[in-house]
Every structure is written in C-alpha cells, then in structure tokens.
PDB file of N, CA and C in Angstrom:
ATOM      1  N   UNK A   1      30.207  20.655 -48.420  1.00  0.00           N
ATOM      2  CA  UNK A   1      30.068  19.211 -48.518  1.00  0.00           C
ATOM      3  C   UNK A   1      28.682  18.957 -49.036  1.00  0.00           C
ATOM      4  N   UNK A   2      28.582  18.085 -50.065  1.00  0.00           N
ATOM      5  CA  UNK A   2      27.308  17.694 -50.636  1.00  0.00           C
ATOM      6  C   UNK A   2      27.046  16.261 -50.260  1.00  0.00           C
ATOM      7  N   UNK A   3      25.901  16.022 -49.717  1.00  0.00           N
ATOM      8  CA  UNK A   3      25.494  14.656 -49.352  1.00  0.00           C
ATOM      9  C   UNK A   3      24.624  14.152 -50.498  1.00  0.00           C
ATOM     10  N   UNK A   4      25.082  13.175 -51.193  1.00  0.00           N
ATOM     11  CA  UNK A   4      24.372  12.701 -52.377  1.00  0.00           C
ATOM     12  C   UNK A   4      23.604  11.446 -52.061  1.00  0.00           C
ATOM     13  N   UNK A   5      22.490  11.195 -52.761  1.00  0.00           N
ATOM     14  CA  UNK A   5      21.806   9.953 -52.606  1.00  0.00           C
ATOM     15  C   UNK A   5      22.695   8.759 -52.923  1.00  0.00           C
ATOM     16  N   UNK A   6      22.513   7.679 -52.191  1.00  0.00           N
ATOM     17  CA  UNK A   6      23.374   6.508 -52.440  1.00  0.00           C
ATOM     18  C   UNK A   6      22.792   5.671 -53.624  1.00  0.00           C
ATOM     19  N   UNK A   7      21.475   5.568 -53.742  1.00  0.00           N
ATOM     20  CA  UNK A   7      20.894   4.806 -54.851  1.00  0.00           C
ATOM     21  C   UNK A   7      19.591   5.473 -55.237  1.00  0.00           C
ATOM     22  N   UNK A   8      19.220   5.308 -56.513  1.00  0.00           N
ATOM     23  CA  UNK A   8      18.031   5.961 -57.029  1.00  0.00           C
ATOM     24  C   UNK A   8      16.779   5.556 -56.271  1.00  0.00           C
ATOM     25  N   UNK A   9      16.609   4.306 -55.954  1.00  0.00           N
ATOM     26  CA  UNK A   9      15.390   3.852 -55.307  1.00  0.00           C
ATOM     27  C   UNK A   9      15.324   4.253 -53.842  1.00  0.00           C
ATOM     28  N   UNK A  10      16.422   4.537 -53.265  1.00  0.00           N
ATOM     29  CA  UNK A  10      16.446   4.874 -51.840  1.00  0.00           C
ATOM     30  C   UNK A  10      17.166   6.184 -51.571  1.00  0.00           C
ATOM     31  N   UNK A  11      17.009   7.171 -52.476  1.00  0.00           N
ATOM     32  CA  UNK A  11      17.777   8.366 -52.355  1.00  0.00           C
ATOM     33  C   UNK A  11      17.396   9.208 -51.138  1.00  0.00           C
ATOM     34  N   UNK A  12      16.150   9.364 -50.891  1.00  0.00           N
ATOM     35  CA  UNK A  12      15.719  10.119 -49.740  1.00  0.00           C
ATOM     36  C   UNK A  12      14.300   9.766 -49.505  1.00  0.00           C
ATOM     37  N   UNK A  13      13.872   9.797 -48.255  1.00  0.00           N
ATOM     38  CA  UNK A  13      12.504   9.316 -47.986  1.00  0.00           C
ATOM     39  C   UNK A  13      11.694  10.323 -47.220  1.00  0.00           C
ATOM     40  N   UNK A  14      10.473  10.064 -47.187  1.00  0.00           N
ATOM     41  CA  UNK A  14       9.522  10.829 -46.395  1.00  0.00           C
ATOM     42  C   UNK A  14       9.408  10.179 -45.027  1.00  0.00           C
ATOM     43  N   UNK A  15       8.710  10.841 -44.145  1.00  0.00           N
ATOM     44  CA  UNK A  15       8.474  10.200 -42.823  1.00  0.00           C
ATOM     45  C   UNK A  15       7.658   8.975 -43.094  1.00  0.00           C
ATOM     46  N   UNK A  16       8.220   7.810 -42.897  1.00  0.00           N
ATOM     47  CA  UNK A  16       7.545   6.556 -43.227  1.00  0.00           C
ATOM     48  C   UNK A  16       8.327   5.924 -44.372  1.00  0.00           C
ATOM     49  N   UNK A  17       7.786   4.887 -44.927  1.00  0.00           N
ATOM     50  CA  UNK A  17       8.494   4.105 -45.948  1.00  0.00           C
ATOM     51  C   UNK A  17       8.116   4.603 -47.332  1.00  0.00           C
ATOM     52  N   UNK A  18       9.103   4.760 -48.169  1.00  0.00           N
ATOM     53  CA  UNK A  18       8.845   5.205 -49.573  1.00  0.00           C
ATOM     54  C   UNK A  18       8.699   3.990 -50.441  1.00  0.00           C
ATOM     55  N   UNK A  19       7.625   3.869 -51.139  1.00  0.00           N
ATOM     56  CA  UNK A  19       7.405   2.798 -52.060  1.00  0.00           C
ATOM     57  C   UNK A  19       8.139   3.097 -53.382  1.00  0.00           C
ATOM     58  N   UNK A  20       8.563   2.026 -54.056  1.00  0.00           N
ATOM     59  CA  UNK A  20       9.284   2.255 -55.321  1.00  0.00           C
ATOM     60  C   UNK A  20       8.514   3.000 -56.403  1.00  0.00           C
ATOM     61  N   UNK A  21       7.146   2.931 -56.328  1.00  0.00           N
ATOM     62  CA  UNK A  21       6.355   3.582 -57.371  1.00  0.00           C
ATOM     63  C   UNK A  21       6.090   5.035 -57.009  1.00  0.00           C
ATOM     64  N   UNK A  22       6.596   5.519 -55.864  1.00  0.00           N
ATOM     65  CA  UNK A  22       6.411   6.961 -55.549  1.00  0.00           C
ATOM     66  C   UNK A  22       7.245   7.778 -56.486  1.00  0.00           C
ATOM     67  N   UNK A  23       6.819   9.006 -56.803  1.00  0.00           N
ATOM     68  CA  UNK A  23       7.582   9.820 -57.775  1.00  0.00           C
ATOM     69  C   UNK A  23       8.961  10.131 -57.302  1.00  0.00           C
ATOM     70  N   UNK A  24       9.904  10.164 -58.239  1.00  0.00           N
ATOM     71  CA  UNK A  24      11.297  10.502 -58.038  1.00  0.00           C
ATOM     72  C   UNK A  24      11.695  11.566 -59.033  1.00  0.00           C
ATOM     73  N   UNK A  25      12.330  12.627 -58.580  1.00  0.00           N
ATOM     74  CA  UNK A  25      12.711  13.698 -59.481  1.00  0.00           C
ATOM     75  C   UNK A  25      14.188  13.974 -59.395  1.00  0.00           C
ATOM     76  N   UNK A  26      14.888  13.949 -60.546  1.00  0.00           N
ATOM     77  CA  UNK A  26      16.331  14.184 -60.542  1.00  0.00           C
ATOM     78  C   UNK A  26      16.644  15.626 -60.145  1.00  0.00           C
ATOM     79  N   UNK A  27      17.889  15.847 -59.816  1.00  0.00           N
ATOM     80  CA  UNK A  27      18.366  17.189 -59.479  1.00  0.00           C
ATOM     81  C   UNK A  27      17.998  18.189 -60.583  1.00  0.00           C
ATOM     82  N   UNK A  28      17.487  19.331 -60.199  1.00  0.00           N
ATOM     83  CA  UNK A  28      17.034  20.309 -61.176  1.00  0.00           C
ATOM     84  C   UNK A  28      17.905  21.567 -61.289  1.00  0.00           C
ATOM     85  N   UNK A  29      18.981  21.596 -60.516  1.00  0.00           N
ATOM     86  CA  UNK A  29      19.903  22.748 -60.501  1.00  0.00           C
ATOM     87  C   UNK A  29      19.468  23.883 -59.647  1.00  0.00           C
ATOM     88  N   UNK A  30      18.303  23.738 -58.989  1.00  0.00           N
ATOM     89  CA  UNK A  30      17.818  24.809 -58.103  1.00  0.00           C
ATOM     90  C   UNK A  30      18.386  24.624 -56.703  1.00  0.00           C
ATOM     91  N   UNK A  31      18.566  25.719 -55.978  1.00  0.00           N
ATOM     92  CA  UNK A  31      19.062  25.670 -54.615  1.00  0.00           C
ATOM     93  C   UNK A  31      18.205  26.525 -53.717  1.00  0.00           C
ATOM     94  N   UNK A  32      18.078  26.090 -52.450  1.00  0.00           N
ATOM     95  CA  UNK A  32      17.401  26.856 -51.439  1.00  0.00           C
ATOM     96  C   UNK A  32      18.326  26.859 -50.208  1.00  0.00           C
ATOM     97  N   UNK A  33      18.280  27.921 -49.405  1.00  0.00           N
ATOM     98  CA  UNK A  33      19.191  28.089 -48.305  1.00  0.00           C
ATOM     99  C   UNK A  33      18.471  28.129 -46.948  1.00  0.00           C
ATOM    100  N   UNK A  34      19.045  27.377 -45.999  1.00  0.00           N
ATOM    101  CA  UNK A  34      18.692  27.446 -44.589  1.00  0.00           C
ATOM    102  C   UNK A  34      19.939  27.814 -43.816  1.00  0.00           C
ATOM    103  N   UNK A  35      19.813  28.857 -42.965  1.00  0.00           N
ATOM    104  CA  UNK A  35      20.971  29.242 -42.177  1.00  0.00           C
ATOM    105  C   UNK A  35      20.895  28.654 -40.774  1.00  0.00           C
ATOM    106  N   UNK A  36      21.970  28.073 -40.310  1.00  0.00           N
ATOM    107  CA  UNK A  36      22.038  27.654 -38.947  1.00  0.00           C
ATOM    108  C   UNK A  36      22.708  28.797 -38.165  1.00  0.00           C
ATOM    109  N   UNK A  37      21.907  29.453 -37.349  1.00  0.00           N
ATOM    110  CA  UNK A  37      22.421  30.559 -36.540  1.00  0.00           C
ATOM    111  C   UNK A  37      22.430  30.066 -35.077  1.00  0.00           C
ATOM    112  N   UNK A  38      22.838  30.891 -34.204  1.00  0.00           N
ATOM    113  CA  UNK A  38      22.923  30.443 -32.807  1.00  0.00           C
ATOM    114  C   UNK A  38      21.584  30.030 -32.265  1.00  0.00           C
ATOM    115  N   UNK A  39      21.416  28.731 -32.124  1.00  0.00           N
ATOM    116  CA  UNK A  39      20.264  28.106 -31.528  1.00  0.00           C
ATOM    117  C   UNK A  39      18.990  28.131 -32.380  1.00  0.00           C
ATOM    118  N   UNK A  40      19.075  28.284 -33.668  1.00  0.00           N
ATOM    119  CA  UNK A  40      17.887  28.183 -34.547  1.00  0.00           C
ATOM    120  C   UNK A  40      18.314  27.984 -36.012  1.00  0.00           C
ATOM    121  N   UNK A  41      17.385  27.438 -36.749  1.00  0.00           N
ATOM    122  CA  UNK A  41      17.499  27.383 -38.238  1.00  0.00           C
ATOM    123  C   UNK A  41      16.623  28.488 -38.767  1.00  0.00           C
ATOM    124  N   UNK A  42      17.116  29.146 -39.809  1.00  0.00           N
ATOM    125  CA  UNK A  42      16.328  30.217 -40.407  1.00  0.00           C
ATOM    126  C   UNK A  42      16.328  30.104 -41.925  1.00  0.00           C
ATOM    127  N   UNK A  43      15.177  29.796 -42.485  1.00  0.00           N
ATOM    128  CA  UNK A  43      13.909  29.557 -41.805  1.00  0.00           C
ATOM    129  C   UNK A  43      13.844  28.187 -41.167  1.00  0.00           C
ATOM    130  N   UNK A  44      12.967  28.055 -40.199  1.00  0.00           N
ATOM    131  CA  UNK A  44      12.777  26.793 -39.527  1.00  0.00           C
ATOM    132  C   UNK A  44      12.002  25.835 -40.417  1.00  0.00           C
ATOM    133  N   UNK A  45      11.026  26.355 -41.204  1.00  0.00           N
ATOM    134  CA  UNK A  45      10.259  25.539 -42.126  1.00  0.00           C
ATOM    135  C   UNK A  45      10.566  26.108 -43.535  1.00  0.00           C
ATOM    136  N   UNK A  46      10.854  25.175 -44.454  1.00  0.00           N
ATOM    137  CA  UNK A  46      11.123  25.558 -45.850  1.00  0.00           C
ATOM    138  C   UNK A  46      10.363  24.645 -46.759  1.00  0.00           C
ATOM    139  N   UNK A  47       9.791  25.184 -47.865  1.00  0.00           N
ATOM    140  CA  UNK A  47       9.109  24.348 -48.873  1.00  0.00           C
ATOM    141  C   UNK A  47       9.906  24.491 -50.189  1.00  0.00           C
ATOM    142  N   UNK A  48      10.202  23.364 -50.770  1.00  0.00           N
ATOM    143  CA  UNK A  48      10.970  23.330 -52.014  1.00  0.00           C
ATOM    144  C   UNK A  48      10.337  22.313 -52.957  1.00  0.00           C
ATOM    145  N   UNK A  49      10.663  22.399 -54.257  1.00  0.00           N
ATOM    146  CA  UNK A  49      10.220  21.416 -55.193  1.00  0.00           C
ATOM    147  C   UNK A  49      11.186  20.242 -55.219  1.00  0.00           C
ATOM    148  N   UNK A  50      10.676  19.063 -55.458  1.00  0.00           N
ATOM    149  CA  UNK A  50      11.543  17.880 -55.578  1.00  0.00           C
ATOM    150  C   UNK A  50      12.603  18.081 -56.658  1.00  0.00           C
ATOM    151  N   UNK A  51      13.795  17.669 -56.362  1.00  0.00           N
ATOM    152  CA  UNK A  51      14.944  17.863 -57.249  1.00  0.00           C
ATOM    153  C   UNK A  51      15.825  19.050 -56.849  1.00  0.00           C
ATOM    154  N   UNK A  52      15.312  19.824 -55.870  1.00  0.00           N
ATOM    155  CA  UNK A  52      16.048  20.994 -55.406  1.00  0.00           C
ATOM    156  C   UNK A  52      17.108  20.639 -54.365  1.00  0.00           C
ATOM    157  N   UNK A  53      18.222  21.283 -54.432  1.00  0.00           N
ATOM    158  CA  UNK A  53      19.300  21.122 -53.436  1.00  0.00           C
ATOM    159  C   UNK A  53      19.055  22.088 -52.276  1.00  0.00           C
ATOM    160  N   UNK A  54      18.973  21.541 -51.082  1.00  0.00           N
ATOM    161  CA  UNK A  54      18.852  22.429 -49.905  1.00  0.00           C
ATOM    162  C   UNK A  54      20.248  22.541 -49.320  1.00  0.00           C
ATOM    163  N   UNK A  55      20.648  23.804 -49.101  1.00  0.00           N
ATOM    164  CA  UNK A  55      21.970  24.129 -48.523  1.00  0.00           C
ATOM    165  C   UNK A  55      21.750  24.645 -47.099  1.00  0.00           C
ATOM    166  N   UNK A  56      22.443  24.035 -46.155  1.00  0.00           N
ATOM    167  CA  UNK A  56      22.462  24.531 -44.783  1.00  0.00           C
ATOM    168  C   UNK A  56      23.806  25.230 -44.584  1.00  0.00           C
ATOM    169  N   UNK A  57      23.802  26.485 -44.225  1.00  0.00           N
ATOM    170  CA  UNK A  57      25.006  27.294 -44.020  1.00  0.00           C
ATOM    171  C   UNK A  57      25.107  27.667 -42.563  1.00  0.00           C
ATOM    172  N   UNK A  58      26.220  27.364 -41.909  1.00  0.00           N
ATOM    173  CA  UNK A  58      26.414  27.699 -40.517  1.00  0.00           C
ATOM    174  C   UNK A  58      26.891  29.152 -40.429  1.00  0.00           C
ATOM    175  N   UNK A  59      25.995  30.057 -40.052  1.00  0.00           N
ATOM    176  CA  UNK A  59      26.297  31.471 -39.870  1.00  0.00           C
ATOM    177  C   UNK A  59      26.409  31.820 -38.387  1.00  0.00           C
ATOM    178  N   UNK A  60      26.381  30.815 -37.537  1.00  0.00           N
ATOM    179  CA  UNK A  60      26.437  31.055 -36.068  1.00  0.00           C
ATOM    180  C   UNK A  60      27.873  31.059 -35.573  1.00  0.00           C
ATOM    181  N   UNK A  61      27.995  31.121 -34.264  1.00  0.00           N
ATOM    182  CA  UNK A  61      29.307  31.074 -33.601  1.00  0.00           C
ATOM    183  C   UNK A  61      29.639  29.660 -33.104  1.00  0.00           C
ATOM    184  N   UNK A  62      28.710  28.744 -33.238  1.00  0.00           N
ATOM    185  CA  UNK A  62      28.889  27.407 -32.633  1.00  0.00           C
ATOM    186  C   UNK A  62      28.755  26.350 -33.724  1.00  0.00           C
ATOM    187  N   UNK A  63      29.270  25.174 -33.412  1.00  0.00           N
ATOM    188  CA  UNK A  63      29.057  24.001 -34.287  1.00  0.00           C
ATOM    189  C   UNK A  63      27.600  23.611 -34.244  1.00  0.00           C
ATOM    190  N   UNK A  64      27.118  23.053 -35.323  1.00  0.00           N
ATOM    191  CA  UNK A  64      25.741  22.544 -35.436  1.00  0.00           C
ATOM    192  C   UNK A  64      25.815  21.178 -36.106  1.00  0.00           C
ATOM    193  N   UNK A  65      24.657  20.458 -36.043  1.00  0.00           N
ATOM    194  CA  UNK A  65      24.555  19.231 -36.781  1.00  0.00           C
ATOM    195  C   UNK A  65      23.131  19.124 -37.349  1.00  0.00           C
ATOM    196  N   UNK A  66      22.936  18.166 -38.224  1.00  0.00           N
ATOM    197  CA  UNK A  66      21.620  17.927 -38.770  1.00  0.00           C
ATOM    198  C   UNK A  66      21.322  16.424 -38.584  1.00  0.00           C
ATOM    199  N   UNK A  67      20.276  16.179 -37.800  1.00  0.00           N
ATOM    200  CA  UNK A  67      19.873  14.852 -37.469  1.00  0.00           C
ATOM    201  C   UNK A  67      18.516  14.600 -38.015  1.00  0.00           C
ATOM    202  N   UNK A  68      18.326  13.693 -38.996  1.00  0.00           N
ATOM    203  CA  UNK A  68      17.010  13.415 -39.497  1.00  0.00           C
ATOM    204  C   UNK A  68      16.137  12.736 -38.439  1.00  0.00           C
ATOM    205  N   UNK A  69      14.843  13.089 -38.398  1.00  0.00           N
ATOM    206  CA  UNK A  69      13.917  12.466 -37.492  1.00  0.00           C
ATOM    207  C   UNK A  69      13.722  10.984 -37.884  1.00  0.00           C
ATOM    208  N   UNK A  70      13.569  10.769 -39.185  1.00  0.00           N
ATOM    209  CA  UNK A  70      13.248   9.423 -39.678  1.00  0.00           C
ATOM    210  C   UNK A  70      14.585   8.688 -39.954  1.00  0.00           C
ATOM    211  N   UNK A  71      14.802   7.670 -39.185  1.00  0.00           N
ATOM    212  CA  UNK A  71      16.066   6.898 -39.324  1.00  0.00           C
ATOM    213  C   UNK A  71      15.932   5.712 -40.225  1.00  0.00           C
ATOM    214  N   UNK A  72      14.820   5.573 -40.954  1.00  0.00           N
ATOM    215  CA  UNK A  72      14.753   4.422 -41.869  1.00  0.00           C
ATOM    216  C   UNK A  72      15.636   4.632 -43.076  1.00  0.00           C
ATOM    217  N   UNK A  73      15.944   3.634 -43.804  1.00  0.00           N
ATOM    218  CA  UNK A  73      16.911   3.752 -44.926  1.00  0.00           C
ATOM    219  C   UNK A  73      16.433   4.574 -46.106  1.00  0.00           C
ATOM    220  N   UNK A  74      15.223   5.056 -46.122  1.00  0.00           N
ATOM    221  CA  UNK A  74      14.776   5.870 -47.266  1.00  0.00           C
ATOM    222  C   UNK A  74      15.363   7.303 -47.191  1.00  0.00           C
ATOM    223  N   UNK A  75      15.766   7.786 -46.044  1.00  0.00           N
ATOM    224  CA  UNK A  75      16.409   9.087 -45.993  1.00  0.00           C
ATOM    225  C   UNK A  75      17.841   8.817 -45.601  1.00  0.00           C
ATOM    226  N   UNK A  76      18.699   8.701 -46.639  1.00  0.00           N
ATOM    227  CA  UNK A  76      20.071   8.316 -46.414  1.00  0.00           C
ATOM    228  C   UNK A  76      20.936   9.555 -46.192  1.00  0.00           C
ATOM    229  N   UNK A  77      20.577  10.312 -45.194  1.00  0.00           N
ATOM    230  CA  UNK A  77      21.308  11.472 -44.802  1.00  0.00           C
ATOM    231  C   UNK A  77      22.076  11.159 -43.552  1.00  0.00           C
ATOM    232  N   UNK A  78      23.360  11.160 -43.635  1.00  0.00           N
ATOM    233  CA  UNK A  78      24.149  10.824 -42.390  1.00  0.00           C
ATOM    234  C   UNK A  78      24.154  11.994 -41.475  1.00  0.00           C
ATOM    235  N   UNK A  79      24.316  11.699 -40.175  1.00  0.00           N
ATOM    236  CA  UNK A  79      24.445  12.799 -39.202  1.00  0.00           C
ATOM    237  C   UNK A  79      25.636  13.619 -39.627  1.00  0.00           C
ATOM    238  N   UNK A  80      25.468  14.961 -39.729  1.00  0.00           N
ATOM    239  CA  UNK A  80      26.481  15.860 -40.235  1.00  0.00           C
ATOM    240  C   UNK A  80      26.778  16.920 -39.176  1.00  0.00           C
ATOM    241  N   UNK A  81      28.015  17.093 -38.807  1.00  0.00           N
ATOM    242  CA  UNK A  81      28.451  18.233 -37.971  1.00  0.00           C
ATOM    243  C   UNK A  81      29.104  19.241 -38.911  1.00  0.00           C
ATOM    244  N   UNK A  82      28.805  20.506 -38.663  1.00  0.00           N
ATOM    245  CA  UNK A  82      29.468  21.524 -39.481  1.00  0.00           C
ATOM    246  C   UNK A  82      29.757  22.732 -38.575  1.00  0.00           C
ATOM    247  N   UNK A  83      30.960  23.318 -38.795  1.00  0.00           N
ATOM    248  CA  UNK A  83      31.463  24.411 -37.991  1.00  0.00           C
ATOM    249  C   UNK A  83      31.068  25.746 -38.585  1.00  0.00           C
ATOM    250  N   UNK A  84      31.243  26.855 -37.848  1.00  0.00           N
ATOM    251  CA  UNK A  84      30.914  28.158 -38.377  1.00  0.00           C
ATOM    252  C   UNK A  84      31.585  28.410 -39.721  1.00  0.00           C
ATOM    253  N   UNK A  85      30.779  28.897 -40.693  1.00  0.00           N
ATOM    254  CA  UNK A  85      31.264  29.154 -42.031  1.00  0.00           C
ATOM    255  C   UNK A  85      31.095  27.968 -42.976  1.00  0.00           C
ATOM    256  N   UNK A  86      30.933  26.764 -42.459  1.00  0.00           N
ATOM    257  CA  UNK A  86      30.747  25.565 -43.297  1.00  0.00           C
ATOM    258  C   UNK A  86      29.331  25.457 -43.828  1.00  0.00           C
ATOM    259  N   UNK A  87      29.181  24.681 -44.896  1.00  0.00           N
ATOM    260  CA  UNK A  87      27.861  24.385 -45.399  1.00  0.00           C
ATOM    261  C   UNK A  87      27.784  22.929 -45.786  1.00  0.00           C
ATOM    262  N   UNK A  88      26.561  22.390 -45.728  1.00  0.00           N
ATOM    263  CA  UNK A  88      26.269  21.056 -46.216  1.00  0.00           C
ATOM    264  C   UNK A  88      25.039  21.142 -47.081  1.00  0.00           C
ATOM    265  N   UNK A  89      24.868  20.227 -47.999  1.00  0.00           N
ATOM    266  CA  UNK A  89      23.694  20.263 -48.866  1.00  0.00           C
ATOM    267  C   UNK A  89      23.202  18.906 -49.172  1.00  0.00           C
ATOM    268  N   UNK A  90      21.948  18.836 -49.572  1.00  0.00           N
ATOM    269  CA  UNK A  90      21.307  17.560 -49.916  1.00  0.00           C
ATOM    270  C   UNK A  90      20.293  17.773 -50.991  1.00  0.00           C
ATOM    271  N   UNK A  91      20.208  16.879 -51.953  1.00  0.00           N
ATOM    272  CA  UNK A  91      19.221  16.988 -53.039  1.00  0.00           C
ATOM    273  C   UNK A  91      17.990  16.181 -52.576  1.00  0.00           C
ATOM    274  N   UNK A  92      16.826  16.855 -52.424  1.00  0.00           N
ATOM    275  CA  UNK A  92      15.580  16.169 -52.054  1.00  0.00           C
ATOM    276  C   UNK A  92      14.893  15.769 -53.331  1.00  0.00           C
ATOM    277  N   UNK A  93      14.768  14.465 -53.573  1.00  0.00           N
ATOM    278  CA  UNK A  93      14.256  13.983 -54.812  1.00  0.00           C
ATOM    279  C   UNK A  93      12.882  13.346 -54.767  1.00  0.00           C
ATOM    280  N   UNK A  94      12.322  13.217 -53.597  1.00  0.00           N
ATOM    281  CA  UNK A  94      10.990  12.682 -53.432  1.00  0.00           C
ATOM    282  C   UNK A  94      10.118  13.625 -52.616  1.00  0.00           C
ATOM    283  N   UNK A  95       8.886  13.897 -53.103  1.00  0.00           N
ATOM    284  CA  UNK A  95       7.980  14.701 -52.292  1.00  0.00           C
ATOM    285  C   UNK A  95       7.753  14.090 -50.911  1.00  0.00           C
ATOM    286  N   UNK A  96       7.539  14.941 -49.934  1.00  0.00           N
ATOM    287  CA  UNK A  96       7.274  14.504 -48.564  1.00  0.00           C
ATOM    288  C   UNK A  96       7.646  15.540 -47.587  1.00  0.00           C
ATOM    289  N   UNK A  97       7.513  15.179 -46.316  1.00  0.00           N
ATOM    290  CA  UNK A  97       7.840  16.049 -45.215  1.00  0.00           C
ATOM    291  C   UNK A  97       9.025  15.470 -44.470  1.00  0.00           C
ATOM    292  N   UNK A  98      10.076  16.249 -44.314  1.00  0.00           N
ATOM    293  CA  UNK A  98      11.297  15.779 -43.700  1.00  0.00           C
ATOM    294  C   UNK A  98      11.631  16.624 -42.487  1.00  0.00           C
ATOM    295  N   UNK A  99      11.564  16.045 -41.332  1.00  0.00           N
ATOM    296  CA  UNK A  99      11.845  16.725 -40.080  1.00  0.00           C
ATOM    297  C   UNK A  99      13.279  16.395 -39.628  1.00  0.00           C
ATOM    298  N   UNK A 100      13.953  17.404 -39.067  1.00  0.00           N
ATOM    299  CA  UNK A 100      15.331  17.216 -38.602  1.00  0.00           C
ATOM    300  C   UNK A 100      15.530  18.133 -37.459  1.00  0.00           C
ATOM    301  N   UNK A 101      16.716  18.016 -36.801  1.00  0.00           N
ATOM    302  CA  UNK A 101      17.016  18.903 -35.682  1.00  0.00           C
ATOM    303  C   UNK A 101      18.541  18.914 -35.495  1.00  0.00           C
ATOM    304  N   UNK A 102      18.985  19.887 -34.711  1.00  0.00           N
ATOM    305  CA  UNK A 102      20.373  19.960 -34.274  1.00  0.00           C
ATOM    306  C   UNK A 102      20.417  19.389 -32.839  1.00  0.00           C
ATOM    307  N   UNK A 103      21.061  18.277 -32.682  1.00  0.00           N
ATOM    308  CA  UNK A 103      21.102  17.630 -31.357  1.00  0.00           C
ATOM    309  C   UNK A 103      22.055  18.343 -30.388  1.00  0.00           C
ATOM    310  N   UNK A 104      22.890  19.203 -30.893  1.00  0.00           N
ATOM    311  CA  UNK A 104      23.782  19.966 -30.029  1.00  0.00           C
ATOM    312  C   UNK A 104      23.008  21.027 -29.249  1.00  0.00           C
ATOM    313  N   UNK A 105      21.950  21.519 -29.913  1.00  0.00           N
ATOM    314  CA  UNK A 105      21.156  22.645 -29.342  1.00  0.00           C
ATOM    315  C   UNK A 105      19.676  22.351 -29.181  1.00  0.00           C
ATOM    316  N   UNK A 106      19.271  21.083 -29.093  1.00  0.00           N
ATOM    317  CA  UNK A 106      17.893  20.801 -28.887  1.00  0.00           C
ATOM    318  C   UNK A 106      17.451  19.448 -29.393  1.00  0.00           C
ATOM    319  N   UNK A 107      16.174  19.364 -29.726  1.00  0.00           N
ATOM    320  CA  UNK A 107      15.613  18.133 -30.227  1.00  0.00           C
ATOM    321  C   UNK A 107      14.498  18.486 -31.215  1.00  0.00           C
ATOM    322  N   UNK A 108      13.647  17.551 -31.511  1.00  0.00           N
ATOM    323  CA  UNK A 108      12.571  17.826 -32.507  1.00  0.00           C
ATOM    324  C   UNK A 108      11.509  18.818 -32.054  1.00  0.00           C
ATOM    325  N   UNK A 109      11.384  19.016 -30.770  1.00  0.00           N
ATOM    326  CA  UNK A 109      10.357  19.926 -30.229  1.00  0.00           C
ATOM    327  C   UNK A 109      10.839  21.141 -29.538  1.00  0.00           C
ATOM    328  N   UNK A 110      12.148  21.212 -29.264  1.00  0.00           N
ATOM    329  CA  UNK A 110      12.668  22.374 -28.542  1.00  0.00           C
ATOM    330  C   UNK A 110      14.125  22.682 -29.012  1.00  0.00           C
ATOM    331  N   UNK A 111      14.385  23.935 -29.160  1.00  0.00           N
ATOM    332  CA  UNK A 111      15.728  24.367 -29.531  1.00  0.00           C
ATOM    333  C   UNK A 111      15.912  24.577 -31.006  1.00  0.00           C
ATOM    334  N   UNK A 112      16.375  23.564 -31.743  1.00  0.00           N
ATOM    335  CA  UNK A 112      16.661  23.773 -33.151  1.00  0.00           C
ATOM    336  C   UNK A 112      16.026  22.708 -34.019  1.00  0.00           C
ATOM    337  N   UNK A 113      14.682  22.666 -34.078  1.00  0.00           N
ATOM    338  CA  UNK A 113      14.058  21.776 -35.084  1.00  0.00           C
ATOM    339  C   UNK A 113      13.925  22.453 -36.420  1.00  0.00           C
ATOM    340  N   UNK A 114      13.753  21.636 -37.451  1.00  0.00           N
ATOM    341  CA  UNK A 114      13.534  22.164 -38.792  1.00  0.00           C
ATOM    342  C   UNK A 114      12.665  21.208 -39.581  1.00  0.00           C
ATOM    343  N   UNK A 115      12.006  21.751 -40.589  1.00  0.00           N
ATOM    344  CA  UNK A 115      11.099  20.944 -41.424  1.00  0.00           C
ATOM    345  C   UNK A 115      11.336  21.376 -42.859  1.00  0.00           C
ATOM    346  N   UNK A 116      11.475  20.339 -43.721  1.00  0.00           N
ATOM    347  CA  UNK A 116      11.582  20.566 -45.170  1.00  0.00           C
ATOM    348  C   UNK A 116      10.332  19.907 -45.800  1.00  0.00           C
ATOM    349  N   UNK A 117       9.511  20.691 -46.456  1.00  0.00           N
ATOM    350  CA  UNK A 117       8.370  20.140 -47.226  1.00  0.00           C
ATOM    351  C   UNK A 117       8.757  20.161 -48.641  1.00  0.00           C
ATOM    352  N   UNK A 118       8.733  18.961 -49.271  1.00  0.00           N
ATOM    353  CA  UNK A 118       9.124  18.813 -50.686  1.00  0.00           C
ATOM    354  C   UNK A 118       7.864  18.534 -51.492  1.00  0.00           C
ATOM    355  N   UNK A 119       7.616  19.363 -52.489  1.00  0.00           N
ATOM    356  CA  UNK A 119       6.419  19.216 -53.303  1.00  0.00           C
ATOM    357  C   UNK A 119       6.842  18.711 -54.694  1.00  0.00           C
ATOM    358  N   UNK A 120       5.826  18.251 -55.426  1.00  0.00           N
ATOM    359  CA  UNK A 120       6.119  17.819 -56.807  1.00  0.00           C
ATOM    360  C   UNK A 120       6.349  19.082 -57.635  1.00  0.00           C
ATOM    361  N   UNK A 121       7.242  19.009 -58.613  1.00  0.00           N
ATOM    362  CA  UNK A 121       7.510  20.181 -59.455  1.00  0.00           C
ATOM    363  C   UNK A 121       6.246  20.591 -60.218  1.00  0.00           C
ATOM    364  N   UNK A 122       6.112  21.866 -60.426  1.00  0.00           N
ATOM    365  CA  UNK A 122       4.930  22.412 -61.146  1.00  0.00           C
ATOM    366  C   UNK A 122       5.214  22.462 -62.622  1.00  0.00           C
TER     367      UNK A 122
END
C-alpha cells in the first residue's frame, strides 16, 4: 500500500506547521526500508533525502501500525495498520523531522517509536 500526498502544498509536514515557501521535492525514485519486527522498528531512526519513498515492512509475528506524532494537516499520513508480510510506504517530500510510533506496542517514548529525518537532496 502506498500512501500518497493529497496535495502539493500539504503533502507532508515537519513537526510544526509547514509554510508554503518551504522547499518541496518531488518523488526521486529512491526507496529506504524500515522493518517492523516484534516490538521495534529497525532501524528506529532513519535519515533520507526529500523525495525518497520510505517503506515499512512488517517482518514480525504481530500486527503493527504507524501513528504520526504530529496530527496537523501538513503530515497527511493516515493511521495505518499492517499485518505480518504487509508493507506500507510514504514519499517524504519536505525536509524535517517526523516522529511516529506503533500504538499497538507502545508510544512515542516507550515500545515502538521511530524517527524519520528528511534532508534536502545533495
């Protein structure tokens, strides 16, 4: 399942509000992988360039979900549940820090937190 941005100006946001003049980078065809294993994301912290698709693959024995920390409309990532063997992906198009967690197995500080740091392309 690919979760795509709904609109160019509000495709995905950083923690806080994204201004329209902040840089936006289209999908670049690159992918990076985070595995959801039993009670953790591996890696827990990942750094990617803007425009990269991040794929979460459930390699565990349990269902997982991805809940964004920032619920403002700039990160239009819906809560996603995925079962063992499933994957979900999202194109990060704006630089920033994106925190998320699996609410089935924890919260932002305990259990299954994750962080995506998105940098400007080099």
